[in-house]
Amino acid sequence: MPIGGVKLDELENPGKPVGTAFVKKSDKLNKMMLVGFLVLGVIIIGLILYSIFRV
């Protein structure tokens, strides 16, 4: 009896997702990542402008 691999009943239902690796991410996680990247971008732009106008 093999431990890993694909089971026969998983092959019979090709429309059903097998694992969680290919499941679409939630919208909440996408929004949190977008807000995080925007905040990070604003901080980087702020630091660049600060270093330019400091001289």
PDB file of N, CA and C in Angstrom:
ATOM      1  N   MET A   1       0.854  -1.189   0.000  1.00  0.00           N
ATOM      2  CA  MET A   1       0.000   0.000   0.000  1.00  0.00           C
ATOM      3  C   MET A   1       0.892   1.242   0.000  1.00  0.00           C
ATOM      4  N   PRO A   2       0.842   2.048  -1.079  1.00  0.00           N
ATOM      5  CA  PRO A   2       1.684   3.248  -1.139  1.00  0.00           C
ATOM      6  C   PRO A   2       1.183   4.333  -0.198  1.00  0.00           C
ATOM      7  N   ILE A   3       2.120   5.082   0.349  1.00  0.00           N
ATOM      8  CA  ILE A   3       1.782   6.146   1.296  1.00  0.00           C
ATOM      9  C   ILE A   3       1.375   7.415   0.555  1.00  0.00           C
ATOM     10  N   GLY A   4       2.127   7.813  -0.462  1.00  0.00           N
ATOM     11  CA  GLY A   4       1.841   9.054  -1.183  1.00  0.00           C
ATOM     12  C   GLY A   4       1.234   8.769  -2.537  1.00  0.00           C
ATOM     13  N   GLY A   5       1.068   9.808  -3.318  1.00  0.00           N
ATOM     14  CA  GLY A   5       0.552   9.643  -4.667  1.00  0.00           C
ATOM     15  C   GLY A   5      -0.894  10.052  -4.788  1.00  0.00           C
ATOM     16  N   VAL A   6      -1.463   9.743  -5.949  1.00  0.00           N
ATOM     17  CA  VAL A   6      -2.846  10.112  -6.243  1.00  0.00           C
ATOM     18  C   VAL A   6      -3.721   8.890  -6.043  1.00  0.00           C
ATOM     19  N   LYS A   7      -4.821   9.078  -5.371  1.00  0.00           N
ATOM     20  CA  LYS A   7      -5.756   7.985  -5.141  1.00  0.00           C
ATOM     21  C   LYS A   7      -6.657   7.824  -6.359  1.00  0.00           C
ATOM     22  N   LEU A   8      -7.192   6.640  -6.529  1.00  0.00           N
ATOM     23  CA  LEU A   8      -8.018   6.345  -7.688  1.00  0.00           C
ATOM     24  C   LEU A   8      -9.296   7.171  -7.704  1.00  0.00           C
ATOM     25  N   ASP A   9      -9.916   7.385  -6.542  1.00  0.00           N
ATOM     26  CA  ASP A   9     -11.156   8.157  -6.513  1.00  0.00           C
ATOM     27  C   ASP A   9     -10.917   9.640  -6.830  1.00  0.00           C
ATOM     28  N   GLU A  10      -9.705  10.141  -6.638  1.00  0.00           N
ATOM     29  CA  GLU A  10      -9.385  11.523  -6.999  1.00  0.00           C
ATOM     30  C   GLU A  10      -9.271  11.680  -8.518  1.00  0.00           C
ATOM     31  N   LEU A  11      -8.897  10.607  -9.203  1.00  0.00           N
ATOM     32  CA  LEU A  11      -8.791  10.665 -10.652  1.00  0.00           C
ATOM     33  C   LEU A  11     -10.155  10.613 -11.323  1.00  0.00           C
ATOM     34  N   GLU A  12     -11.129  10.010 -10.667  1.00  0.00           N
ATOM     35  CA  GLU A  12     -12.450   9.859 -11.266  1.00  0.00           C
ATOM     36  C   GLU A  12     -13.226  11.172 -11.294  1.00  0.00           C
ATOM     37  N   ASN A  13     -12.908  12.139 -10.425  1.00  0.00           N
ATOM     38  CA  ASN A  13     -13.593  13.425 -10.365  1.00  0.00           C
ATOM     39  C   ASN A  13     -12.624  14.542 -10.750  1.00  0.00           C
ATOM     40  N   PRO A  14     -12.402  14.759 -12.052  1.00  0.00           N
ATOM     41  CA  PRO A  14     -11.395  15.760 -12.443  1.00  0.00           C
ATOM     42  C   PRO A  14     -11.812  17.203 -12.175  1.00  0.00           C
ATOM     43  N   GLY A  15     -13.101  17.483 -11.997  1.00  0.00           N
ATOM     44  CA  GLY A  15     -13.542  18.849 -11.773  1.00  0.00           C
ATOM     45  C   GLY A  15     -13.359  19.313 -10.345  1.00  0.00           C
ATOM     46  N   LYS A  16     -13.145  18.402  -9.421  1.00  0.00           N
ATOM     47  CA  LYS A  16     -13.024  18.743  -8.011  1.00  0.00           C
ATOM     48  C   LYS A  16     -11.563  19.031  -7.672  1.00  0.00           C
ATOM     49  N   PRO A  17     -11.257  20.146  -7.005  1.00  0.00           N
ATOM     50  CA  PRO A  17      -9.856  20.423  -6.642  1.00  0.00           C
ATOM     51  C   PRO A  17      -9.349  19.402  -5.634  1.00  0.00           C
ATOM     52  N   VAL A  18      -8.119  18.957  -5.839  1.00  0.00           N
ATOM     53  CA  VAL A  18      -7.542  17.904  -5.005  1.00  0.00           C
ATOM     54  C   VAL A  18      -6.913  18.484  -3.755  1.00  0.00           C
ATOM     55  N   GLY A  19      -6.100  19.535  -3.909  1.00  0.00           N
ATOM     56  CA  GLY A  19      -5.379  20.087  -2.763  1.00  0.00           C
ATOM     57  C   GLY A  19      -5.673  21.556  -2.585  1.00  0.00           C
ATOM     58  N   THR A  20      -5.037  22.140  -1.595  1.00  0.00           N
ATOM     59  CA  THR A  20      -5.251  23.553  -1.308  1.00  0.00           C
ATOM     60  C   THR A  20      -4.273  24.445  -2.067  1.00  0.00           C
ATOM     61  N   ALA A  21      -3.318  23.854  -2.800  1.00  0.00           N
ATOM     62  CA  ALA A  21      -2.311  24.659  -3.496  1.00  0.00           C
ATOM     63  C   ALA A  21      -2.910  25.436  -4.665  1.00  0.00           C
ATOM     64  N   PHE A  22      -3.974  24.930  -5.255  1.00  0.00           N
ATOM     65  CA  PHE A  22      -4.536  25.566  -6.444  1.00  0.00           C
ATOM     66  C   PHE A  22      -5.866  26.252  -6.153  1.00  0.00           C
ATOM     67  N   VAL A  23      -6.231  26.364  -4.899  1.00  0.00           N
ATOM     68  CA  VAL A  23      -7.470  27.040  -4.533  1.00  0.00           C
ATOM     69  C   VAL A  23      -7.228  28.545  -4.572  1.00  0.00           C
ATOM     70  N   LYS A  24      -8.200  29.307  -5.105  1.00  0.00           N
ATOM     71  CA  LYS A  24      -8.049  30.758  -5.226  1.00  0.00           C
ATOM     72  C   LYS A  24      -7.926  31.397  -3.845  1.00  0.00           C
ATOM     73  N   LYS A  25      -7.027  32.366  -3.736  1.00  0.00           N
ATOM     74  CA  LYS A  25      -6.840  33.058  -2.462  1.00  0.00           C
ATOM     75  C   LYS A  25      -8.057  33.917  -2.157  1.00  0.00           C
ATOM     76  N   SER A  26      -8.263  34.155  -0.906  1.00  0.00           N
ATOM     77  CA  SER A  26      -9.425  34.945  -0.515  1.00  0.00           C
ATOM     78  C   SER A  26      -9.223  36.414  -0.875  1.00  0.00           C
ATOM     79  N   ASP A  27     -10.332  37.127  -1.069  1.00  0.00           N
ATOM     80  CA  ASP A  27     -10.252  38.546  -1.406  1.00  0.00           C
ATOM     81  C   ASP A  27      -9.689  39.358  -0.244  1.00  0.00           C
ATOM     82  N   LYS A  28      -9.945  38.921   0.981  1.00  0.00           N
ATOM     83  CA  LYS A  28      -9.446  39.639   2.148  1.00  0.00           C
ATOM     84  C   LYS A  28      -7.915  39.631   2.161  1.00  0.00           C
ATOM     85  N   LEU A  29      -7.327  38.492   1.854  1.00  0.00           N
ATOM     86  CA  LEU A  29      -5.861  38.409   1.814  1.00  0.00           C
ATOM     87  C   LEU A  29      -5.307  39.282   0.695  1.00  0.00           C
ATOM     88  N   ASN A  30      -5.968  39.284  -0.456  1.00  0.00           N
ATOM     89  CA  ASN A  30      -5.506  40.124  -1.565  1.00  0.00           C
ATOM     90  C   ASN A  30      -5.558  41.600  -1.204  1.00  0.00           C
ATOM     91  N   LYS A  31      -6.629  42.031  -0.537  1.00  0.00           N
ATOM     92  CA  LYS A  31      -6.748  43.436  -0.138  1.00  0.00           C
ATOM     93  C   LYS A  31      -5.687  43.801   0.889  1.00  0.00           C
ATOM     94  N   MET A  32      -5.420  42.898   1.830  1.00  0.00           N
ATOM     95  CA  MET A  32      -4.395  43.180   2.847  1.00  0.00           C
ATOM     96  C   MET A  32      -3.018  43.305   2.199  1.00  0.00           C
ATOM     97  N   MET A  33      -2.718  42.434   1.228  1.00  0.00           N
ATOM     98  CA  MET A  33      -1.427  42.520   0.549  1.00  0.00           C
ATOM     99  C   MET A  33      -1.328  43.803  -0.263  1.00  0.00           C
ATOM    100  N   LEU A  34      -2.424  44.198  -0.925  1.00  0.00           N
ATOM    101  CA  LEU A  34      -2.419  45.427  -1.707  1.00  0.00           C
ATOM    102  C   LEU A  34      -2.177  46.639  -0.818  1.00  0.00           C
ATOM    103  N   VAL A  35      -2.849  46.699   0.326  1.00  0.00           N
ATOM    104  CA  VAL A  35      -2.657  47.811   1.258  1.00  0.00           C
ATOM    105  C   VAL A  35      -1.218  47.817   1.779  1.00  0.00           C
ATOM    106  N   GLY A  36      -0.694  46.645   2.087  1.00  0.00           N
ATOM    107  CA  GLY A  36       0.682  46.554   2.572  1.00  0.00           C
ATOM    108  C   GLY A  36       1.690  47.056   1.555  1.00  0.00           C
ATOM    109  N   PHE A  37       1.503  46.657   0.289  1.00  0.00           N
ATOM    110  CA  PHE A  37       2.426  47.111  -0.757  1.00  0.00           C
ATOM    111  C   PHE A  37       2.283  48.615  -1.011  1.00  0.00           C
ATOM    112  N   LEU A  38       1.065  49.135  -0.918  1.00  0.00           N
ATOM    113  CA  LEU A  38       0.876  50.579  -1.094  1.00  0.00           C
ATOM    114  C   LEU A  38       1.562  51.361   0.019  1.00  0.00           C
ATOM    115  N   VAL A  39       1.422  50.904   1.249  1.00  0.00           N
ATOM    116  CA  VAL A  39       2.081  51.573   2.379  1.00  0.00           C
ATOM    117  C   VAL A  39       3.594  51.518   2.208  1.00  0.00           C
ATOM    118  N   LEU A  40       4.095  50.367   1.810  1.00  0.00           N
ATOM    119  CA  LEU A  40       5.535  50.225   1.601  1.00  0.00           C
ATOM    120  C   LEU A  40       6.017  51.150   0.483  1.00  0.00           C
ATOM    121  N   GLY A  41       5.236  51.258  -0.593  1.00  0.00           N
ATOM    122  CA  GLY A  41       5.598  52.149  -1.696  1.00  0.00           C
ATOM    123  C   GLY A  41       5.611  53.609  -1.272  1.00  0.00           C
ATOM    124  N   VAL A  42       4.623  54.014  -0.467  1.00  0.00           N
ATOM    125  CA  VAL A  42       4.572  55.400   0.014  1.00  0.00           C
ATOM    126  C   VAL A  42       5.773  55.699   0.908  1.00  0.00           C
ATOM    127  N   ILE A  43       6.147  54.750   1.745  1.00  0.00           N
ATOM    128  CA  ILE A  43       7.312  54.946   2.620  1.00  0.00           C
ATOM    129  C   ILE A  43       8.587  55.087   1.787  1.00  0.00           C
ATOM    130  N   ILE A  44       8.738  54.251   0.772  1.00  0.00           N
ATOM    131  CA  ILE A  44       9.945  54.317  -0.064  1.00  0.00           C
ATOM    132  C   ILE A  44       9.995  55.639  -0.826  1.00  0.00           C
ATOM    133  N   ILE A  45       8.865  56.047  -1.405  1.00  0.00           N
ATOM    134  CA  ILE A  45       8.831  57.326  -2.120  1.00  0.00           C
ATOM    135  C   ILE A  45       9.100  58.485  -1.164  1.00  0.00           C
ATOM    136  N   GLY A  46       8.557  58.419   0.042  1.00  0.00           N
ATOM    137  CA  GLY A  46       8.808  59.448   1.038  1.00  0.00           C
ATOM    138  C   GLY A  46      10.278  59.543   1.408  1.00  0.00           C
ATOM    139  N   LEU A  47      10.925  58.398   1.581  1.00  0.00           N
ATOM    140  CA  LEU A  47      12.354  58.415   1.907  1.00  0.00           C
ATOM    141  C   LEU A  47      13.188  58.972   0.757  1.00  0.00           C
ATOM    142  N   ILE A  48      12.810  58.638  -0.473  1.00  0.00           N
ATOM    143  CA  ILE A  48      13.543  59.173  -1.627  1.00  0.00           C
ATOM    144  C   ILE A  48      13.379  60.692  -1.711  1.00  0.00           C
ATOM    145  N   LEU A  49      12.155  61.175  -1.568  1.00  0.00           N
ATOM    146  CA  LEU A  49      11.928  62.620  -1.601  1.00  0.00           C
ATOM    147  C   LEU A  49      12.631  63.327  -0.452  1.00  0.00           C
ATOM    148  N   TYR A  50      12.625  62.709   0.719  1.00  0.00           N
ATOM    149  CA  TYR A  50      13.310  63.301   1.871  1.00  0.00           C
ATOM    150  C   TYR A  50      14.817  63.432   1.608  1.00  0.00           C
ATOM    151  N   SER A  51      15.398  62.386   0.994  1.00  0.00           N
ATOM    152  CA  SER A  51      16.844  62.445   0.733  1.00  0.00           C
ATOM    153  C   SER A  51      17.164  63.448  -0.379  1.00  0.00           C
ATOM    154  N   ILE A  52      16.251  63.659  -1.316  1.00  0.00           N
ATOM    155  CA  ILE A  52      16.506  64.627  -2.388  1.00  0.00           C
ATOM    156  C   ILE A  52      16.417  66.051  -1.858  1.00  0.00           C
ATOM    157  N   PHE A  53      15.367  66.355  -1.096  1.00  0.00           N
ATOM    158  CA  PHE A  53      15.158  67.735  -0.640  1.00  0.00           C
ATOM    159  C   PHE A  53      15.961  68.077   0.608  1.00  0.00           C
ATOM    160  N   ARG A  54      16.619  67.103   1.186  1.00  0.00           N
ATOM    161  CA  ARG A  54      17.434  67.366   2.376  1.00  0.00           C
ATOM    162  C   ARG A  54      18.721  68.105   2.003  1.00  0.00           C
ATOM    163  N   VAL A  55      19.180  67.935   0.805  1.00  0.00           N
ATOM    164  CA  VAL A  55      20.449  68.534   0.359  1.00  0.00           C
ATOM    165  C   VAL A  55      20.337  69.974   0.092  1.00  0.00           C
TER     166      VAL A  55
END
